[in-house]
Structures are given as structure tokens and as C-alpha cells.
Amino acid sequence: MPQMSPLSWWLLFIYFIMLMILFSIMNYYIFFYTPQSSDSMKSEIKSMNWKW
């Protein structure tokens, strides 16, 4: 079984590195968070009535 030449290994390595980088960039930029409005960020203060 013949082995691959070093150049082929190098090209295969570059190919997979570029594929991984492309996949990572796409995952980072394609996911969008929905922005929250300023009203929903305000925490509501609820009074607690203790019944002893």
C-alpha cells in the first residue's frame, strides 16, 4: 500500500484546518441573540408579606 507524499499530507492538513476555521466562523456569526428591551431588563420588586 503506497503512502501519501508529504505534499499531499500538507494539503490535506491545510484543507481540514481551513474547514475548521470556516465552520467556527460560520457558527460564531450565524447565531443571533434576540435583543432584550430595556423594560424587560428592569427587575420588578415584589413586596413579601410575612405572616408570622
PDB file of N, CA and C in Angstrom:
ATOM      1  N   MET A   1       0.849  -1.184   0.000  1.00  0.00           N
ATOM      2  CA  MET A   1       0.000   0.000   0.000  1.00  0.00           C
ATOM      3  C   MET A   1       0.896   1.249   0.000  1.00  0.00           C
ATOM      4  N   PRO A   2       0.823   2.046  -1.020  1.00  0.00           N
ATOM      5  CA  PRO A   2       1.708   3.206  -1.089  1.00  0.00           C
ATOM      6  C   PRO A   2       1.287   4.304  -0.105  1.00  0.00           C
ATOM      7  N   GLN A   3       2.266   4.965   0.398  1.00  0.00           N
ATOM      8  CA  GLN A   3       1.984   6.068   1.308  1.00  0.00           C
ATOM      9  C   GLN A   3       1.781   7.347   0.511  1.00  0.00           C
ATOM     10  N   MET A   4       1.095   8.271   1.169  1.00  0.00           N
ATOM     11  CA  MET A   4       0.900   9.562   0.511  1.00  0.00           C
ATOM     12  C   MET A   4       2.199  10.356   0.561  1.00  0.00           C
ATOM     13  N   SER A   5       2.378  11.174  -0.405  1.00  0.00           N
ATOM     14  CA  SER A   5       3.573  12.023  -0.404  1.00  0.00           C
ATOM     15  C   SER A   5       3.419  13.111   0.658  1.00  0.00           C
ATOM     16  N   PRO A   6       4.517  13.668   1.135  1.00  0.00           N
ATOM     17  CA  PRO A   6       4.419  14.727   2.156  1.00  0.00           C
ATOM     18  C   PRO A   6       3.601  15.934   1.703  1.00  0.00           C
ATOM     19  N   LEU A   7       3.648  16.242   0.418  1.00  0.00           N
ATOM     20  CA  LEU A   7       2.865  17.369  -0.074  1.00  0.00           C
ATOM     21  C   LEU A   7       1.367  17.092   0.057  1.00  0.00           C
ATOM     22  N   SER A   8       0.977  15.875  -0.197  1.00  0.00           N
ATOM     23  CA  SER A   8      -0.444  15.528  -0.051  1.00  0.00           C
ATOM     24  C   SER A   8      -0.888  15.609   1.404  1.00  0.00           C
ATOM     25  N   TRP A   9      -0.028  15.183   2.309  1.00  0.00           N
ATOM     26  CA  TRP A   9      -0.364  15.304   3.716  1.00  0.00           C
ATOM     27  C   TRP A   9      -0.503  16.766   4.110  1.00  0.00           C
ATOM     28  N   TRP A  10       0.386  17.596   3.602  1.00  0.00           N
ATOM     29  CA  TRP A  10       0.351  19.026   3.906  1.00  0.00           C
ATOM     30  C   TRP A  10      -0.927  19.649   3.355  1.00  0.00           C
ATOM     31  N   LEU A  11      -1.316  19.312   2.152  1.00  0.00           N
ATOM     32  CA  LEU A  11      -2.542  19.854   1.566  1.00  0.00           C
ATOM     33  C   LEU A  11      -3.787  19.356   2.304  1.00  0.00           C
ATOM     34  N   LEU A  12      -3.745  18.117   2.727  1.00  0.00           N
ATOM     35  CA  LEU A  12      -4.867  17.582   3.496  1.00  0.00           C
ATOM     36  C   LEU A  12      -4.987  18.299   4.847  1.00  0.00           C
ATOM     37  N   PHE A  13      -3.862  18.536   5.472  1.00  0.00           N
ATOM     38  CA  PHE A  13      -3.844  19.263   6.740  1.00  0.00           C
ATOM     39  C   PHE A  13      -4.388  20.682   6.560  1.00  0.00           C
ATOM     40  N   ILE A  14      -3.936  21.378   5.542  1.00  0.00           N
ATOM     41  CA  ILE A  14      -4.406  22.738   5.262  1.00  0.00           C
ATOM     42  C   ILE A  14      -5.904  22.738   4.968  1.00  0.00           C
ATOM     43  N   TYR A  15      -6.342  21.747   4.219  1.00  0.00           N
ATOM     44  CA  TYR A  15      -7.760  21.643   3.888  1.00  0.00           C
ATOM     45  C   TYR A  15      -8.615  21.512   5.146  1.00  0.00           C
ATOM     46  N   PHE A  16      -8.228  20.645   6.062  1.00  0.00           N
ATOM     47  CA  PHE A  16      -9.019  20.451   7.277  1.00  0.00           C
ATOM     48  C   PHE A  16      -8.926  21.641   8.229  1.00  0.00           C
ATOM     49  N   ILE A  17      -7.790  22.291   8.268  1.00  0.00           N
ATOM     50  CA  ILE A  17      -7.664  23.496   9.098  1.00  0.00           C
ATOM     51  C   ILE A  17      -8.568  24.602   8.564  1.00  0.00           C
ATOM     52  N   MET A  18      -8.565  24.788   7.271  1.00  0.00           N
ATOM     53  CA  MET A  18      -9.428  25.815   6.676  1.00  0.00           C
ATOM     54  C   MET A  18     -10.902  25.476   6.872  1.00  0.00           C
ATOM     55  N   LEU A  19     -11.229  24.213   6.778  1.00  0.00           N
ATOM     56  CA  LEU A  19     -12.604  23.781   7.005  1.00  0.00           C
ATOM     57  C   LEU A  19     -13.029  24.047   8.447  1.00  0.00           C
ATOM     58  N   MET A  20     -12.159  23.772   9.383  1.00  0.00           N
ATOM     59  CA  MET A  20     -12.466  24.018  10.792  1.00  0.00           C
ATOM     60  C   MET A  20     -12.617  25.513  11.075  1.00  0.00           C
ATOM     61  N   ILE A  21     -11.746  26.322  10.498  1.00  0.00           N
ATOM     62  CA  ILE A  21     -11.829  27.770  10.696  1.00  0.00           C
ATOM     63  C   ILE A  21     -13.123  28.315  10.083  1.00  0.00           C
ATOM     64  N   LEU A  22     -13.440  27.864   8.904  1.00  0.00           N
ATOM     65  CA  LEU A  22     -14.672  28.305   8.256  1.00  0.00           C
ATOM     66  C   LEU A  22     -15.905  27.900   9.055  1.00  0.00           C
ATOM     67  N   PHE A  23     -15.911  26.688   9.543  1.00  0.00           N
ATOM     68  CA  PHE A  23     -17.026  26.207  10.350  1.00  0.00           C
ATOM     69  C   PHE A  23     -17.165  27.012  11.637  1.00  0.00           C
ATOM     70  N   SER A  24     -16.051  27.321  12.279  1.00  0.00           N
ATOM     71  CA  SER A  24     -16.078  28.103  13.515  1.00  0.00           C
ATOM     72  C   SER A  24     -16.575  29.523  13.273  1.00  0.00           C
ATOM     73  N   ILE A  25     -16.116  30.135  12.205  1.00  0.00           N
ATOM     74  CA  ILE A  25     -16.561  31.493  11.882  1.00  0.00           C
ATOM     75  C   ILE A  25     -18.045  31.509  11.557  1.00  0.00           C
ATOM     76  N   MET A  26     -18.497  30.534  10.817  1.00  0.00           N
ATOM     77  CA  MET A  26     -19.924  30.486  10.489  1.00  0.00           C
ATOM     78  C   MET A  26     -20.772  30.276  11.736  1.00  0.00           C
ATOM     79  N   ASN A  27     -20.339  29.421  12.638  1.00  0.00           N
ATOM     80  CA  ASN A  27     -21.090  29.209  13.874  1.00  0.00           C
ATOM     81  C   ASN A  27     -21.097  30.456  14.747  1.00  0.00           C
ATOM     82  N   TYR A  28     -20.028  31.186  14.724  1.00  0.00           N
ATOM     83  CA  TYR A  28     -19.954  32.398  15.558  1.00  0.00           C
ATOM     84  C   TYR A  28     -20.859  33.502  15.017  1.00  0.00           C
ATOM     85  N   TYR A  29     -20.859  33.713  13.728  1.00  0.00           N
ATOM     86  CA  TYR A  29     -21.585  34.846  13.156  1.00  0.00           C
ATOM     87  C   TYR A  29     -23.016  34.535  12.734  1.00  0.00           C
ATOM     88  N   ILE A  30     -23.389  33.286  12.642  1.00  0.00           N
ATOM     89  CA  ILE A  30     -24.735  32.970  12.150  1.00  0.00           C
ATOM     90  C   ILE A  30     -25.752  32.936  13.295  1.00  0.00           C
ATOM     91  N   PHE A  31     -25.280  32.801  14.527  1.00  0.00           N
ATOM     92  CA  PHE A  31     -26.190  32.711  15.666  1.00  0.00           C
ATOM     93  C   PHE A  31     -26.486  34.109  16.183  1.00  0.00           C
ATOM     94  N   PHE A  32     -27.753  34.491  16.173  1.00  0.00           N
ATOM     95  CA  PHE A  32     -28.152  35.828  16.604  1.00  0.00           C
ATOM     96  C   PHE A  32     -28.923  35.743  17.913  1.00  0.00           C
ATOM     97  N   TYR A  33     -28.515  36.563  18.855  1.00  0.00           N
ATOM     98  CA  TYR A  33     -29.283  36.698  20.080  1.00  0.00           C
ATOM     99  C   TYR A  33     -30.385  37.719  19.840  1.00  0.00           C
ATOM    100  N   THR A  34     -31.547  37.462  20.400  1.00  0.00           N
ATOM    101  CA  THR A  34     -32.610  38.448  20.284  1.00  0.00           C
ATOM    102  C   THR A  34     -32.368  39.535  21.326  1.00  0.00           C
ATOM    103  N   PRO A  35     -32.294  40.774  20.913  1.00  0.00           N
ATOM    104  CA  PRO A  35     -32.036  41.845  21.894  1.00  0.00           C
ATOM    105  C   PRO A  35     -33.228  42.034  22.820  1.00  0.00           C
ATOM    106  N   GLN A  36     -32.922  42.244  24.069  1.00  0.00           N
ATOM    107  CA  GLN A  36     -33.985  42.454  25.040  1.00  0.00           C
ATOM    108  C   GLN A  36     -34.268  43.938  25.157  1.00  0.00           C
ATOM    109  N   SER A  37     -35.533  44.242  25.364  1.00  0.00           N
ATOM    110  CA  SER A  37     -35.892  45.643  25.534  1.00  0.00           C
ATOM    111  C   SER A  37     -35.494  46.100  26.937  1.00  0.00           C
ATOM    112  N   SER A  38     -35.400  47.381  27.114  1.00  0.00           N
ATOM    113  CA  SER A  38     -34.966  47.910  28.406  1.00  0.00           C
ATOM    114  C   SER A  38     -36.011  47.661  29.498  1.00  0.00           C
ATOM    115  N   ASP A  39     -37.277  47.512  29.106  1.00  0.00           N
ATOM    116  CA  ASP A  39     -38.321  47.249  30.098  1.00  0.00           C
ATOM    117  C   ASP A  39     -38.166  45.872  30.722  1.00  0.00           C
ATOM    118  N   SER A  40     -37.803  44.910  29.915  1.00  0.00           N
ATOM    119  CA  SER A  40     -37.691  43.561  30.450  1.00  0.00           C
ATOM    120  C   SER A  40     -36.434  43.387  31.289  1.00  0.00           C
ATOM    121  N   MET A  41     -35.472  44.292  31.155  1.00  0.00           N
ATOM    122  CA  MET A  41     -34.252  44.181  31.942  1.00  0.00           C
ATOM    123  C   MET A  41     -34.428  44.720  33.360  1.00  0.00           C
ATOM    124  N   LYS A  42     -35.439  45.545  33.552  1.00  0.00           N
ATOM    125  CA  LYS A  42     -35.680  46.088  34.884  1.00  0.00           C
ATOM    126  C   LYS A  42     -36.296  44.996  35.760  1.00  0.00           C
ATOM    127  N   SER A  43     -35.734  44.820  36.896  1.00  0.00           N
ATOM    128  CA  SER A  43     -36.273  43.801  37.791  1.00  0.00           C
ATOM    129  C   SER A  43     -37.420  44.401  38.606  1.00  0.00           C
ATOM    130  N   GLU A  44     -38.445  43.644  38.687  1.00  0.00           N
ATOM    131  CA  GLU A  44     -39.601  44.105  39.446  1.00  0.00           C
ATOM    132  C   GLU A  44     -39.392  43.744  40.911  1.00  0.00           C
ATOM    133  N   ILE A  45     -39.671  44.700  41.759  1.00  0.00           N
ATOM    134  CA  ILE A  45     -39.529  44.473  43.190  1.00  0.00           C
ATOM    135  C   ILE A  45     -40.891  44.065  43.725  1.00  0.00           C
ATOM    136  N   LYS A  46     -40.924  42.883  44.264  1.00  0.00           N
ATOM    137  CA  LYS A  46     -42.177  42.379  44.824  1.00  0.00           C
ATOM    138  C   LYS A  46     -42.052  42.417  46.338  1.00  0.00           C
ATOM    139  N   SER A  47     -43.040  43.000  46.950  1.00  0.00           N
ATOM    140  CA  SER A  47     -43.015  43.053  48.397  1.00  0.00           C
ATOM    141  C   SER A  47     -43.489  41.705  48.955  1.00  0.00           C
ATOM    142  N   MET A  48     -42.783  41.272  49.972  1.00  0.00           N
ATOM    143  CA  MET A  48     -43.147  40.000  50.603  1.00  0.00           C
ATOM    144  C   MET A  48     -43.827  40.279  51.936  1.00  0.00           C
ATOM    145  N   ASN A  49     -45.017  39.787  52.058  1.00  0.00           N
ATOM    146  CA  ASN A  49     -45.754  39.960  53.299  1.00  0.00           C
ATOM    147  C   ASN A  49     -45.550  38.720  54.152  1.00  0.00           C
ATOM    148  N   TRP A  50     -44.834  38.917  55.260  1.00  0.00           N
ATOM    149  CA  TRP A  50     -44.581  37.786  56.138  1.00  0.00           C
ATOM    150  C   TRP A  50     -45.753  37.632  57.099  1.00  0.00           C
ATOM    151  N   LYS A  51     -46.268  36.440  57.165  1.00  0.00           N
ATOM    152  CA  LYS A  51     -47.392  36.171  58.055  1.00  0.00           C
ATOM    153  C   LYS A  51     -46.898  35.270  59.177  1.00  0.00           C
ATOM    154  N   TRP A  52     -46.577  35.895  60.307  1.00  0.00           N
ATOM    155  CA  TRP A  52     -45.998  35.125  61.395  1.00  0.00           C
ATOM    156  C   TRP A  52     -47.113  34.586  62.232  1.00  0.00           C
TER     157      TRP A  52
END
